[in-house]
Amino acid sequence: MKQIMWAAAVLVTPLAAAQADEPARLPATLRQLEGCWQGSGEVMGTPVTTTAQAHPVALGAILALETSSVATGDATDRYGAHLAFGGGKGADEVTGFWSDSFGGSMTATGTGRFEPGGFEIGYRYSDAEFVNRWQIDDARLGWVIVARDGKGVEKPFASYTLQRVSCPVAPANP
């Protein structure tokens, strides 16, 4: 009888522990990005208009951000990116994933830190680390990207200023 009870305890304990575990929660700074944004900026000196929409995924553990931009002087010069953010192991750490319209070979994972009013996260590529600096308040979003070479020298890459806007209403499913 003791063996049966012990076997039942061994089988039930991991199941109960798995059910009791809550999914990771997004840090408050990342939750501030949730919603829709619209604005302008420049990428490598080219003026652009840009939009972004962010929403939680994976049971609220990750924030997915879709962004797109169009050069103001050339409607065919378009770019799109899908970013994913989550908290790191430490309370001040942020992690991320970058994918964009250049395709699967240009994806990257990133790590960084939360800072007052936002966060900084870097994505390593073969030629440079692309450091993204996000500053967030209720209605305004600042996003600056610099390319940092192996010696730590930074060059401006992109900068955007966006305002919070109402999200478009999703079409009803038939």
N, C-alpha and C. Protein backbone atom coordinates (compact mmCIF):
# COMPACT_ATOMS: atom_id res chain seq x y z
N MET A 1 0.82 -1.19 0.00
CA MET A 1 0.00 0.00 0.00
C MET A 1 0.86 1.26 0.00
N LYS A 2 1.95 1.26 0.81
CA LYS A 2 2.83 2.41 0.85
C LYS A 2 3.45 2.66 -0.51
N GLN A 3 3.77 1.59 -1.23
CA GLN A 3 4.36 1.75 -2.56
C GLN A 3 3.39 2.40 -3.53
N ILE A 4 2.13 2.03 -3.44
CA ILE A 4 1.12 2.62 -4.32
C ILE A 4 0.95 4.10 -4.01
N MET A 5 0.90 4.46 -2.73
CA MET A 5 0.76 5.86 -2.34
C MET A 5 1.98 6.66 -2.78
N TRP A 6 3.18 6.07 -2.61
CA TRP A 6 4.40 6.76 -3.03
C TRP A 6 4.38 6.97 -4.54
N ALA A 7 3.99 5.94 -5.30
CA ALA A 7 3.93 6.06 -6.76
C ALA A 7 2.92 7.12 -7.16
N ALA A 8 1.78 7.17 -6.50
CA ALA A 8 0.78 8.19 -6.81
C ALA A 8 1.32 9.58 -6.52
N ALA A 9 2.02 9.74 -5.40
CA ALA A 9 2.59 11.04 -5.05
C ALA A 9 3.64 11.47 -6.07
N VAL A 10 4.45 10.52 -6.54
CA VAL A 10 5.48 10.84 -7.53
C VAL A 10 4.83 11.30 -8.83
N LEU A 11 3.73 10.68 -9.23
CA LEU A 11 3.07 11.05 -10.48
C LEU A 11 2.28 12.35 -10.36
N VAL A 12 1.63 12.59 -9.21
CA VAL A 12 0.77 13.74 -9.05
C VAL A 12 1.56 15.01 -8.76
N THR A 13 2.67 14.92 -8.05
CA THR A 13 3.41 16.11 -7.66
C THR A 13 3.87 16.95 -8.85
N PRO A 14 4.52 16.37 -9.89
CA PRO A 14 4.90 17.21 -11.03
C PRO A 14 3.69 17.81 -11.74
N LEU A 15 2.62 17.06 -11.86
CA LEU A 15 1.42 17.57 -12.51
C LEU A 15 0.85 18.74 -11.73
N ALA A 16 0.76 18.61 -10.42
CA ALA A 16 0.24 19.69 -9.59
C ALA A 16 1.15 20.90 -9.65
N ALA A 17 2.45 20.66 -9.63
CA ALA A 17 3.40 21.78 -9.71
C ALA A 17 3.28 22.49 -11.05
N ALA A 18 3.12 21.73 -12.12
CA ALA A 18 2.99 22.34 -13.45
C ALA A 18 1.71 23.17 -13.54
N GLN A 19 0.63 22.67 -12.94
CA GLN A 19 -0.62 23.41 -12.97
C GLN A 19 -0.56 24.66 -12.11
N ALA A 20 0.23 24.63 -11.04
CA ALA A 20 0.32 25.77 -10.14
C ALA A 20 1.21 26.87 -10.71
N ASP A 21 2.14 26.53 -11.60
CA ASP A 21 3.02 27.54 -12.17
C ASP A 21 2.22 28.49 -13.04
N GLU A 22 2.39 29.75 -12.78
CA GLU A 22 1.77 30.78 -13.60
C GLU A 22 2.72 31.14 -14.73
N PRO A 23 2.18 31.55 -15.87
CA PRO A 23 3.08 32.01 -16.94
C PRO A 23 3.84 33.25 -16.48
N ALA A 24 4.98 33.48 -17.06
CA ALA A 24 5.74 34.70 -16.77
C ALA A 24 4.88 35.90 -17.13
N ARG A 25 5.06 36.98 -16.45
CA ARG A 25 4.30 38.20 -16.72
C ARG A 25 5.22 39.25 -17.33
N LEU A 26 4.66 40.04 -18.21
CA LEU A 26 5.43 41.13 -18.82
C LEU A 26 5.78 42.18 -17.78
N PRO A 27 7.01 42.65 -17.80
CA PRO A 27 7.35 43.78 -16.94
C PRO A 27 6.51 45.01 -17.30
N ALA A 28 6.26 45.86 -16.33
CA ALA A 28 5.40 47.03 -16.52
C ALA A 28 5.88 47.92 -17.65
N THR A 29 7.18 48.09 -17.80
CA THR A 29 7.71 48.95 -18.88
C THR A 29 7.28 48.43 -20.24
N LEU A 30 7.33 47.11 -20.44
CA LEU A 30 6.92 46.55 -21.73
C LEU A 30 5.42 46.68 -21.93
N ARG A 31 4.64 46.54 -20.87
CA ARG A 31 3.18 46.69 -20.99
C ARG A 31 2.80 48.09 -21.47
N GLN A 32 3.64 49.09 -21.19
CA GLN A 32 3.35 50.45 -21.63
C GLN A 32 3.38 50.57 -23.16
N LEU A 33 4.05 49.65 -23.85
CA LEU A 33 4.10 49.68 -25.31
C LEU A 33 2.80 49.17 -25.95
N GLU A 34 1.98 48.47 -25.17
CA GLU A 34 0.78 47.86 -25.73
C GLU A 34 -0.12 48.91 -26.37
N GLY A 35 -0.61 48.60 -27.56
CA GLY A 35 -1.50 49.50 -28.27
C GLY A 35 -0.95 49.86 -29.64
N CYS A 36 -1.46 50.96 -30.18
CA CYS A 36 -1.09 51.39 -31.53
C CYS A 36 -0.40 52.73 -31.48
N TRP A 37 0.56 52.89 -32.40
CA TRP A 37 1.41 54.08 -32.45
C TRP A 37 1.58 54.51 -33.90
N GLN A 38 1.74 55.83 -34.09
CA GLN A 38 1.95 56.36 -35.44
C GLN A 38 2.87 57.57 -35.33
N GLY A 39 3.78 57.69 -36.31
CA GLY A 39 4.69 58.82 -36.26
C GLY A 39 5.60 58.89 -37.45
N SER A 40 6.74 59.53 -37.22
CA SER A 40 7.70 59.72 -38.29
C SER A 40 9.10 59.62 -37.73
N GLY A 41 10.05 59.62 -38.64
CA GLY A 41 11.44 59.54 -38.23
C GLY A 41 12.34 59.51 -39.44
N GLU A 42 13.52 58.93 -39.24
CA GLU A 42 14.42 58.76 -40.36
C GLU A 42 15.25 57.50 -40.16
N VAL A 43 15.59 56.89 -41.29
CA VAL A 43 16.43 55.69 -41.30
C VAL A 43 17.59 55.98 -42.24
N MET A 44 18.80 55.96 -41.70
CA MET A 44 20.01 56.26 -42.47
C MET A 44 19.84 57.54 -43.29
N GLY A 45 19.23 58.57 -42.68
CA GLY A 45 19.07 59.86 -43.33
C GLY A 45 17.83 60.00 -44.18
N THR A 46 17.07 58.94 -44.40
CA THR A 46 15.86 58.99 -45.22
C THR A 46 14.64 59.21 -44.34
N PRO A 47 13.85 60.27 -44.58
CA PRO A 47 12.64 60.49 -43.80
C PRO A 47 11.61 59.38 -44.07
N VAL A 48 10.93 58.94 -42.99
CA VAL A 48 9.93 57.88 -43.09
C VAL A 48 8.72 58.21 -42.23
N THR A 49 7.60 57.62 -42.59
CA THR A 49 6.46 57.55 -41.68
C THR A 49 6.43 56.12 -41.15
N THR A 50 5.96 55.97 -39.93
CA THR A 50 6.01 54.64 -39.32
C THR A 50 4.79 54.39 -38.45
N THR A 51 4.42 53.13 -38.35
CA THR A 51 3.35 52.70 -37.46
C THR A 51 3.84 51.51 -36.66
N ALA A 52 3.24 51.30 -35.51
CA ALA A 52 3.56 50.14 -34.69
C ALA A 52 2.31 49.71 -33.94
N GLN A 53 2.19 48.43 -33.74
CA GLN A 53 1.10 47.88 -32.94
C GLN A 53 1.68 46.78 -32.07
N ALA A 54 1.41 46.85 -30.76
CA ALA A 54 1.96 45.89 -29.81
C ALA A 54 0.85 45.27 -28.98
N HIS A 55 0.98 43.95 -28.79
CA HIS A 55 0.00 43.23 -27.98
C HIS A 55 0.66 42.03 -27.31
N PRO A 56 0.14 41.62 -26.15
CA PRO A 56 0.71 40.46 -25.47
C PRO A 56 0.37 39.17 -26.20
N VAL A 57 1.29 38.22 -26.16
CA VAL A 57 1.10 36.88 -26.71
C VAL A 57 1.66 35.88 -25.70
N ALA A 58 1.53 34.60 -25.99
CA ALA A 58 2.08 33.53 -25.15
C ALA A 58 1.59 33.66 -23.71
N LEU A 59 0.27 33.72 -23.55
CA LEU A 59 -0.36 33.84 -22.24
C LEU A 59 0.11 35.08 -21.47
N GLY A 60 0.45 36.13 -22.21
CA GLY A 60 0.86 37.38 -21.59
C GLY A 60 2.32 37.43 -21.17
N ALA A 61 3.11 36.45 -21.54
CA ALA A 61 4.52 36.42 -21.15
C ALA A 61 5.42 37.21 -22.10
N ILE A 62 4.96 37.44 -23.32
CA ILE A 62 5.75 38.10 -24.36
C ILE A 62 4.92 39.23 -24.97
N LEU A 63 5.58 40.30 -25.38
CA LEU A 63 4.92 41.37 -26.10
C LEU A 63 5.37 41.30 -27.55
N ALA A 64 4.43 41.16 -28.47
CA ALA A 64 4.73 41.16 -29.91
C ALA A 64 4.48 42.57 -30.44
N LEU A 65 5.45 43.09 -31.19
CA LEU A 65 5.32 44.42 -31.76
C LEU A 65 5.55 44.32 -33.27
N GLU A 66 4.55 44.75 -34.02
CA GLU A 66 4.64 44.80 -35.49
C GLU A 66 4.85 46.25 -35.87
N THR A 67 5.84 46.51 -36.69
CA THR A 67 6.09 47.88 -37.12
C THR A 67 6.33 47.91 -38.62
N SER A 68 5.95 49.00 -39.24
CA SER A 68 6.22 49.17 -40.66
C SER A 68 6.52 50.64 -40.92
N SER A 69 7.33 50.88 -41.94
CA SER A 69 7.64 52.25 -42.31
C SER A 69 7.69 52.36 -43.83
N VAL A 70 7.49 53.59 -44.28
CA VAL A 70 7.51 53.91 -45.70
C VAL A 70 8.29 55.21 -45.86
N ALA A 71 9.22 55.23 -46.79
CA ALA A 71 9.96 56.47 -47.07
C ALA A 71 8.99 57.53 -47.55
N THR A 72 9.11 58.74 -47.03
CA THR A 72 8.15 59.79 -47.40
C THR A 72 8.27 60.20 -48.85
N GLY A 73 9.43 60.03 -49.46
CA GLY A 73 9.62 60.42 -50.85
C GLY A 73 9.46 59.30 -51.84
N ASP A 74 9.21 58.07 -51.36
CA ASP A 74 9.14 56.92 -52.28
C ASP A 74 8.28 55.83 -51.64
N ALA A 75 7.02 55.77 -52.04
CA ALA A 75 6.07 54.82 -51.45
C ALA A 75 6.47 53.36 -51.69
N THR A 76 7.37 53.10 -52.62
CA THR A 76 7.80 51.71 -52.85
C THR A 76 8.94 51.30 -51.90
N ASP A 77 9.52 52.26 -51.18
CA ASP A 77 10.59 52.00 -50.22
C ASP A 77 9.95 51.70 -48.87
N ARG A 78 9.65 50.41 -48.66
CA ARG A 78 8.92 49.97 -47.46
C ARG A 78 9.78 49.03 -46.63
N TYR A 79 9.43 48.94 -45.36
CA TYR A 79 10.14 48.06 -44.42
C TYR A 79 9.15 47.61 -43.37
N GLY A 80 9.29 46.38 -42.93
CA GLY A 80 8.46 45.86 -41.85
C GLY A 80 9.28 45.00 -40.92
N ALA A 81 8.93 45.02 -39.63
CA ALA A 81 9.63 44.20 -38.64
C ALA A 81 8.65 43.64 -37.63
N HIS A 82 9.00 42.47 -37.13
CA HIS A 82 8.25 41.83 -36.05
C HIS A 82 9.23 41.68 -34.89
N LEU A 83 8.92 42.30 -33.77
CA LEU A 83 9.77 42.23 -32.58
C LEU A 83 9.01 41.51 -31.48
N ALA A 84 9.73 40.80 -30.65
CA ALA A 84 9.15 40.16 -29.48
C ALA A 84 10.01 40.53 -28.28
N PHE A 85 9.35 40.91 -27.19
CA PHE A 85 10.06 41.31 -25.97
C PHE A 85 9.53 40.51 -24.79
N GLY A 86 10.41 40.25 -23.83
CA GLY A 86 10.03 39.63 -22.58
C GLY A 86 11.01 40.03 -21.50
N GLY A 87 10.64 39.73 -20.27
CA GLY A 87 11.54 40.00 -19.16
C GLY A 87 12.68 38.98 -19.17
N GLY A 88 13.78 39.34 -18.54
CA GLY A 88 14.92 38.43 -18.42
C GLY A 88 14.91 37.74 -17.07
N LYS A 89 16.01 37.09 -16.75
CA LYS A 89 16.10 36.39 -15.46
C LYS A 89 16.14 37.37 -14.30
N GLY A 90 16.80 38.51 -14.49
CA GLY A 90 16.84 39.53 -13.45
C GLY A 90 15.72 40.54 -13.66
N ALA A 91 15.32 41.21 -12.58
CA ALA A 91 14.21 42.15 -12.65
C ALA A 91 14.47 43.32 -13.59
N ASP A 92 15.75 43.65 -13.83
CA ASP A 92 16.05 44.79 -14.70
C ASP A 92 16.44 44.36 -16.11
N GLU A 93 16.28 43.09 -16.45
CA GLU A 93 16.70 42.58 -17.76
C GLU A 93 15.52 42.46 -18.73
N VAL A 94 15.80 42.76 -19.99
CA VAL A 94 14.83 42.60 -21.07
C VAL A 94 15.48 41.71 -22.13
N THR A 95 14.69 40.85 -22.74
CA THR A 95 15.16 40.00 -23.82
C THR A 95 14.29 40.27 -25.04
N GLY A 96 14.82 39.91 -26.21
CA GLY A 96 14.03 40.17 -27.40
C GLY A 96 14.44 39.34 -28.59
N PHE A 97 13.62 39.43 -29.61
CA PHE A 97 13.85 38.75 -30.89
C PHE A 97 13.47 39.73 -31.98
N TRP A 98 14.31 39.82 -33.01
CA TRP A 98 14.09 40.75 -34.13
C TRP A 98 13.99 39.94 -35.42
N SER A 99 12.94 40.17 -36.16
CA SER A 99 12.82 39.62 -37.51
C SER A 99 12.21 40.72 -38.37
N ASP A 100 12.57 40.71 -39.65
CA ASP A 100 12.08 41.80 -40.48
C ASP A 100 11.93 41.39 -41.93
N SER A 101 11.60 42.36 -42.76
CA SER A 101 11.31 42.10 -44.17
C SER A 101 12.54 41.76 -44.99
N PHE A 102 13.72 41.69 -44.36
CA PHE A 102 14.90 41.19 -45.06
C PHE A 102 14.96 39.66 -45.02
N GLY A 103 14.05 39.03 -44.25
CA GLY A 103 13.95 37.57 -44.27
C GLY A 103 14.59 36.88 -43.09
N GLY A 104 14.46 35.57 -43.09
CA GLY A 104 14.90 34.75 -41.97
C GLY A 104 16.38 34.79 -41.68
N SER A 105 17.20 35.08 -42.65
CA SER A 105 18.64 35.10 -42.41
C SER A 105 19.09 36.34 -41.63
N MET A 106 18.19 37.29 -41.43
CA MET A 106 18.54 38.53 -40.73
C MET A 106 17.88 38.64 -39.36
N THR A 107 17.49 37.53 -38.76
CA THR A 107 16.91 37.55 -37.43
C THR A 107 18.01 37.63 -36.38
N ALA A 108 17.64 38.09 -35.19
CA ALA A 108 18.62 38.18 -34.11
C ALA A 108 17.90 38.16 -32.76
N THR A 109 18.57 37.60 -31.76
CA THR A 109 18.08 37.72 -30.39
C THR A 109 18.80 38.88 -29.74
N GLY A 110 18.17 39.46 -28.73
CA GLY A 110 18.75 40.61 -28.07
C GLY A 110 18.62 40.54 -26.57
N THR A 111 19.48 41.27 -25.90
CA THR A 111 19.42 41.40 -24.45
C THR A 111 19.68 42.86 -24.10
N GLY A 112 19.15 43.25 -22.96
CA GLY A 112 19.34 44.62 -22.52
C GLY A 112 18.83 44.83 -21.11
N ARG A 113 18.64 46.09 -20.78
CA ARG A 113 18.25 46.48 -19.43
C ARG A 113 17.15 47.55 -19.46
N PHE A 114 16.30 47.45 -18.45
CA PHE A 114 15.32 48.51 -18.24
C PHE A 114 16.03 49.70 -17.62
N GLU A 115 15.59 50.89 -18.01
CA GLU A 115 16.14 52.14 -17.51
C GLU A 115 14.97 53.04 -17.16
N PRO A 116 15.20 54.10 -16.41
CA PRO A 116 14.08 55.01 -16.11
C PRO A 116 13.41 55.49 -17.40
N GLY A 117 12.11 55.26 -17.50
CA GLY A 117 11.34 55.72 -18.66
C GLY A 117 11.44 54.86 -19.89
N GLY A 118 12.09 53.70 -19.82
CA GLY A 118 12.18 52.86 -21.01
C GLY A 118 13.15 51.71 -20.85
N PHE A 119 13.82 51.36 -21.95
CA PHE A 119 14.78 50.27 -21.92
C PHE A 119 15.71 50.38 -23.11
N GLU A 120 16.83 49.66 -23.00
CA GLU A 120 17.80 49.56 -24.09
C GLU A 120 18.05 48.08 -24.33
N ILE A 121 18.07 47.71 -25.62
CA ILE A 121 18.30 46.31 -25.98
C ILE A 121 19.17 46.28 -27.24
N GLY A 122 20.15 45.38 -27.25
CA GLY A 122 21.05 45.27 -28.38
C GLY A 122 20.91 43.95 -29.10
N TYR A 123 21.00 43.99 -30.42
CA TYR A 123 20.92 42.81 -31.28
C TYR A 123 22.24 42.71 -32.03
N ARG A 124 22.93 41.59 -31.88
CA ARG A 124 24.25 41.40 -32.50
C ARG A 124 24.09 40.82 -33.89
N TYR A 125 24.71 41.49 -34.85
CA TYR A 125 24.83 41.00 -36.22
C TYR A 125 26.32 40.89 -36.53
N SER A 126 26.67 40.33 -37.68
CA SER A 126 28.08 40.10 -37.99
C SER A 126 28.89 41.39 -38.08
N ASP A 127 28.27 42.47 -38.55
CA ASP A 127 29.02 43.71 -38.75
C ASP A 127 28.92 44.70 -37.59
N ALA A 128 27.91 44.56 -36.74
CA ALA A 128 27.71 45.51 -35.65
C ALA A 128 26.64 45.01 -34.69
N GLU A 129 26.58 45.65 -33.53
CA GLU A 129 25.46 45.44 -32.62
C GLU A 129 24.52 46.62 -32.84
N PHE A 130 23.26 46.34 -33.08
CA PHE A 130 22.27 47.39 -33.27
C PHE A 130 21.56 47.60 -31.94
N VAL A 131 21.85 48.74 -31.32
CA VAL A 131 21.33 49.06 -30.00
C VAL A 131 20.07 49.89 -30.17
N ASN A 132 18.98 49.41 -29.60
CA ASN A 132 17.68 50.08 -29.66
C ASN A 132 17.40 50.71 -28.30
N ARG A 133 17.11 51.99 -28.31
CA ARG A 133 16.80 52.71 -27.07
C ARG A 133 15.36 53.20 -27.16
N TRP A 134 14.54 52.71 -26.24
CA TRP A 134 13.12 53.02 -26.20
C TRP A 134 12.82 53.93 -25.01
N GLN A 135 12.13 55.03 -25.25
CA GLN A 135 11.65 55.92 -24.20
C GLN A 135 10.13 56.00 -24.34
N ILE A 136 9.43 55.68 -23.25
CA ILE A 136 7.98 55.55 -23.31
C ILE A 136 7.32 56.42 -22.26
N ASP A 137 6.29 57.17 -22.66
CA ASP A 137 5.36 57.73 -21.69
C ASP A 137 3.97 57.38 -22.20
N ASP A 138 2.96 57.86 -21.55
CA ASP A 138 1.60 57.44 -21.91
C ASP A 138 1.24 57.64 -23.37
N ALA A 139 1.59 58.79 -23.92
CA ALA A 139 1.14 59.10 -25.27
C ALA A 139 2.26 59.25 -26.29
N ARG A 140 3.51 59.18 -25.85
CA ARG A 140 4.64 59.41 -26.76
C ARG A 140 5.64 58.27 -26.64
N LEU A 141 6.20 57.90 -27.78
CA LEU A 141 7.19 56.84 -27.83
C LEU A 141 8.38 57.32 -28.65
N GLY A 142 9.56 57.28 -28.05
CA GLY A 142 10.78 57.60 -28.76
C GLY A 142 11.58 56.32 -28.95
N TRP A 143 12.10 56.11 -30.15
CA TRP A 143 12.84 54.89 -30.48
C TRP A 143 14.03 55.30 -31.32
N VAL A 144 15.22 55.06 -30.79
CA VAL A 144 16.46 55.40 -31.47
C VAL A 144 17.28 54.13 -31.64
N ILE A 145 17.86 53.95 -32.83
CA ILE A 145 18.71 52.79 -33.11
C ILE A 145 20.08 53.31 -33.53
N VAL A 146 21.11 52.78 -32.89
CA VAL A 146 22.49 53.10 -33.28
C VAL A 146 23.20 51.80 -33.63
N ALA A 147 24.15 51.89 -34.54
CA ALA A 147 25.01 50.75 -34.88
C ALA A 147 26.31 50.93 -34.10
N ARG A 148 26.63 49.95 -33.25
CA ARG A 148 27.84 50.01 -32.44
C ARG A 148 28.84 49.00 -32.99
N ASP A 149 30.02 49.50 -33.40
CA ASP A 149 31.03 48.60 -33.95
C ASP A 149 31.79 47.88 -32.84
N GLY A 150 32.72 47.03 -33.22
CA GLY A 150 33.48 46.23 -32.27
C GLY A 150 34.31 47.04 -31.29
N LYS A 151 34.60 48.30 -31.61
CA LYS A 151 35.37 49.17 -30.72
C LYS A 151 34.47 50.01 -29.82
N GLY A 152 33.15 49.83 -29.95
CA GLY A 152 32.21 50.58 -29.14
C GLY A 152 31.79 51.92 -29.72
N VAL A 153 32.23 52.22 -30.93
CA VAL A 153 31.87 53.48 -31.59
C VAL A 153 30.44 53.35 -32.14
N GLU A 154 29.61 54.33 -31.82
CA GLU A 154 28.22 54.31 -32.26
C GLU A 154 27.98 55.27 -33.40
N LYS A 155 27.17 54.82 -34.38
CA LYS A 155 26.74 55.66 -35.49
C LYS A 155 25.21 55.65 -35.52
N PRO A 156 24.60 56.82 -35.72
CA PRO A 156 23.14 56.85 -35.84
C PRO A 156 22.68 55.95 -36.98
N PHE A 157 21.60 55.22 -36.75
CA PHE A 157 21.02 54.36 -37.78
C PHE A 157 19.58 54.79 -38.07
N ALA A 158 18.77 54.90 -37.02
CA ALA A 158 17.37 55.29 -37.20
C ALA A 158 16.86 55.98 -35.95
N SER A 159 15.86 56.82 -36.12
CA SER A 159 15.18 57.41 -34.97
C SER A 159 13.73 57.69 -35.35
N TYR A 160 12.85 57.47 -34.39
CA TYR A 160 11.42 57.63 -34.61
C TYR A 160 10.80 58.33 -33.41
N THR A 161 9.77 59.13 -33.67
CA THR A 161 8.93 59.68 -32.63
C THR A 161 7.50 59.31 -33.00
N LEU A 162 6.84 58.60 -32.10
CA LEU A 162 5.49 58.12 -32.37
C LEU A 162 4.54 58.59 -31.29
N GLN A 163 3.28 58.73 -31.67
CA GLN A 163 2.21 59.10 -30.75
C GLN A 163 1.24 57.94 -30.65
N ARG A 164 0.69 57.76 -29.46
CA ARG A 164 -0.33 56.73 -29.27
C ARG A 164 -1.58 57.12 -30.07
N VAL A 165 -2.15 56.15 -30.79
CA VAL A 165 -3.38 56.37 -31.56
C VAL A 165 -4.34 55.24 -31.27
N SER A 166 -5.59 55.42 -31.64
CA SER A 166 -6.58 54.35 -31.49
C SER A 166 -6.25 53.23 -32.45
N CYS A 167 -6.39 52.02 -31.99
CA CYS A 167 -6.14 50.86 -32.85
C CYS A 167 -7.34 50.67 -33.77
N PRO A 168 -7.08 50.24 -35.01
CA PRO A 168 -8.18 49.96 -35.92
C PRO A 168 -9.03 48.81 -35.38
N VAL A 169 -10.30 48.89 -35.67
CA VAL A 169 -11.21 47.83 -35.23
C VAL A 169 -11.01 46.64 -36.14
N ALA A 170 -10.79 45.47 -35.55
CA ALA A 170 -10.61 44.24 -36.33
C ALA A 170 -11.96 43.86 -36.95
N PRO A 171 -11.93 43.37 -38.19
CA PRO A 171 -13.19 42.94 -38.83
C PRO A 171 -13.77 41.75 -38.09
N ALA A 172 -15.08 41.71 -37.99
CA ALA A 172 -15.76 40.60 -37.33
C ALA A 172 -15.61 39.34 -38.15
N ASN A 173 -15.48 38.21 -37.48
CA ASN A 173 -15.43 36.91 -38.17
C ASN A 173 -16.83 36.54 -38.64
N PRO A 174 -16.94 36.06 -39.87
CA PRO A 174 -18.28 35.69 -40.37
C PRO A 174 -18.82 34.45 -39.70
